[in-house]
Amino acid sequence: MTPSEALAVCRLRQWHSDRTAARAGHICSYRNTGWIERRQRQTDARIVRMLDFEKAFASLTDAEQIMLASAYADGAVSTDTARAAGCCVRKIAYALPAARRHLADALAALDLL
């Protein structure tokens, strides 16, 4: 895995964490916020970060999105990833690195790495 692919995986995991927190209504960490203005800025930054990542993620094919989200965001093993993508485990072994490269390229194009 190249350094840009590793950063892309980190961004994917961060997006998953931010999206989960936003859906649960936990927009910011109240221990670290302080003033209302800072809390608002932190919330805005998280939403912008999620939207920017989703723009890059949407440029991938549906199969690549399913593979990446299943493998890295949800932490599924290769058999579960293959079942979610509707293909065999061997194809996942070849397609997952390509999907990581495509995500890294999309994030680099938007200057998000």
Protein backbone atom coordinates (compact mmCIF):
# COMPACT_ATOMS: atom_id res chain seq x y z
CA MET A 1 0.00 0.00 0.00
CA THR A 2 1.42 3.35 -1.02
CA PRO A 3 1.42 6.33 1.36
CA SER A 4 -1.34 8.07 -0.61
CA GLU A 5 -3.49 4.93 -0.44
CA ALA A 6 -2.90 4.73 3.31
CA LEU A 7 -4.00 8.35 3.67
CA ALA A 8 -7.07 7.60 1.55
CA VAL A 9 -7.98 4.73 3.89
CA CYS A 10 -7.49 7.05 6.89
CA ARG A 11 -9.82 9.61 5.27
CA LEU A 12 -12.37 6.83 4.63
CA ARG A 13 -12.31 5.76 8.27
CA GLN A 14 -12.51 9.39 9.44
CA TRP A 15 -15.50 9.98 7.14
CA HIS A 16 -17.22 6.87 8.49
CA SER A 17 -16.65 8.03 12.07
CA ASP A 18 -17.88 11.57 11.32
CA ARG A 19 -20.95 10.27 9.48
CA THR A 20 -21.82 7.91 12.32
CA ALA A 21 -21.44 10.69 14.89
CA ALA A 22 -23.56 13.07 12.83
CA ARG A 23 -26.34 10.50 12.40
CA ALA A 24 -26.35 9.84 16.14
CA GLY A 25 -26.55 13.55 16.87
CA HIS A 26 -23.09 13.72 18.47
CA ILE A 27 -21.76 16.53 16.36
CA CYS A 28 -18.91 17.68 18.58
CA SER A 29 -17.00 16.69 21.67
CA TYR A 30 -18.36 18.84 24.48
CA ARG A 31 -15.26 18.34 26.62
CA ASN A 32 -13.05 20.06 24.04
CA THR A 33 -15.33 22.78 22.73
CA GLY A 34 -15.83 25.60 25.18
CA TRP A 35 -17.53 28.61 23.61
CA ILE A 36 -20.52 28.21 21.35
CA GLU A 37 -18.74 29.88 18.44
CA ARG A 38 -15.94 27.30 18.55
CA ARG A 39 -18.44 24.46 18.73
CA GLN A 40 -20.19 25.84 15.68
CA ARG A 41 -16.89 26.10 13.79
CA GLN A 42 -16.00 22.52 14.71
CA THR A 43 -19.41 21.30 13.54
CA ASP A 44 -19.13 23.22 10.29
CA ALA A 45 -15.64 21.84 9.65
CA ARG A 46 -16.83 18.28 10.21
CA ILE A 47 -19.76 18.72 7.82
CA VAL A 48 -17.54 20.28 5.14
CA ARG A 49 -15.01 17.47 5.57
CA MET A 50 -17.77 14.86 5.17
CA LEU A 51 -19.19 16.56 2.06
CA ASP A 52 -15.77 16.92 0.42
CA PHE A 53 -15.01 13.25 1.00
CA GLU A 54 -18.42 12.20 -0.29
CA LYS A 55 -17.79 14.16 -3.49
CA ALA A 56 -14.57 12.20 -4.10
CA PHE A 57 -16.18 8.91 -3.00
CA ALA A 58 -19.08 9.43 -5.41
CA SER A 59 -16.64 9.49 -8.34
CA LEU A 60 -15.89 5.79 -7.77
CA THR A 61 -17.99 3.00 -9.22
CA ASP A 62 -20.68 1.41 -7.07
CA ALA A 63 -18.68 -1.81 -6.72
CA GLU A 64 -15.59 0.09 -5.56
CA GLN A 65 -17.65 2.07 -3.05
CA ILE A 66 -19.14 -1.11 -1.63
CA MET A 67 -15.76 -2.82 -1.38
CA LEU A 68 -14.02 0.12 0.30
CA ALA A 69 -16.83 0.86 2.73
CA SER A 70 -17.20 -2.79 3.67
CA ALA A 71 -13.50 -3.54 4.00
CA TYR A 72 -12.22 -0.41 5.71
CA ALA A 73 -15.10 1.51 7.25
CA ASP A 74 -17.07 -1.46 8.57
CA GLY A 75 -14.03 -3.69 9.13
CA ALA A 76 -15.52 -6.70 7.37
CA VAL A 77 -13.37 -9.66 6.37
CA SER A 78 -12.84 -10.49 2.71
CA THR A 79 -15.65 -13.07 2.57
CA ASP A 80 -18.17 -10.53 3.89
CA THR A 81 -16.81 -7.90 1.50
CA ALA A 82 -17.16 -10.33 -1.42
CA ARG A 83 -20.71 -11.17 -0.40
CA ALA A 84 -21.62 -7.47 -0.18
CA ALA A 85 -20.05 -6.73 -3.58
CA GLY A 86 -21.60 -9.83 -5.16
CA CYS A 87 -18.34 -11.38 -6.35
CA CYS A 88 -15.79 -13.97 -5.32
CA VAL A 89 -13.04 -13.49 -2.73
CA ARG A 90 -10.32 -13.73 -5.37
CA LYS A 91 -11.76 -10.76 -7.26
CA ILE A 92 -11.73 -8.74 -4.04
CA ALA A 93 -8.02 -9.44 -3.67
CA TYR A 94 -7.39 -7.81 -7.06
CA ALA A 95 -10.10 -5.15 -7.07
CA LEU A 96 -9.56 -3.72 -3.58
CA PRO A 97 -6.06 -2.30 -4.27
CA ALA A 98 -7.35 -0.77 -7.50
CA ALA A 99 -10.26 0.79 -5.62
CA ARG A 100 -7.82 2.22 -3.05
CA ARG A 101 -5.76 3.76 -5.85
CA HIS A 102 -8.85 5.26 -7.46
CA LEU A 103 -9.93 6.76 -4.14
CA ALA A 104 -6.45 8.17 -3.53
CA ASP A 105 -6.45 9.70 -7.02
CA ALA A 106 -9.92 11.21 -6.50
CA LEU A 107 -8.92 12.68 -3.14
CA ALA A 108 -5.67 14.04 -4.59
CA ALA A 109 -7.58 15.64 -7.46
CA LEU A 110 -9.73 17.52 -4.97
CA ASP A 111 -6.62 18.34 -2.86
CA LEU A 112 -7.92 16.40 0.15
CA LEU A 113 -4.85 14.26 0.85
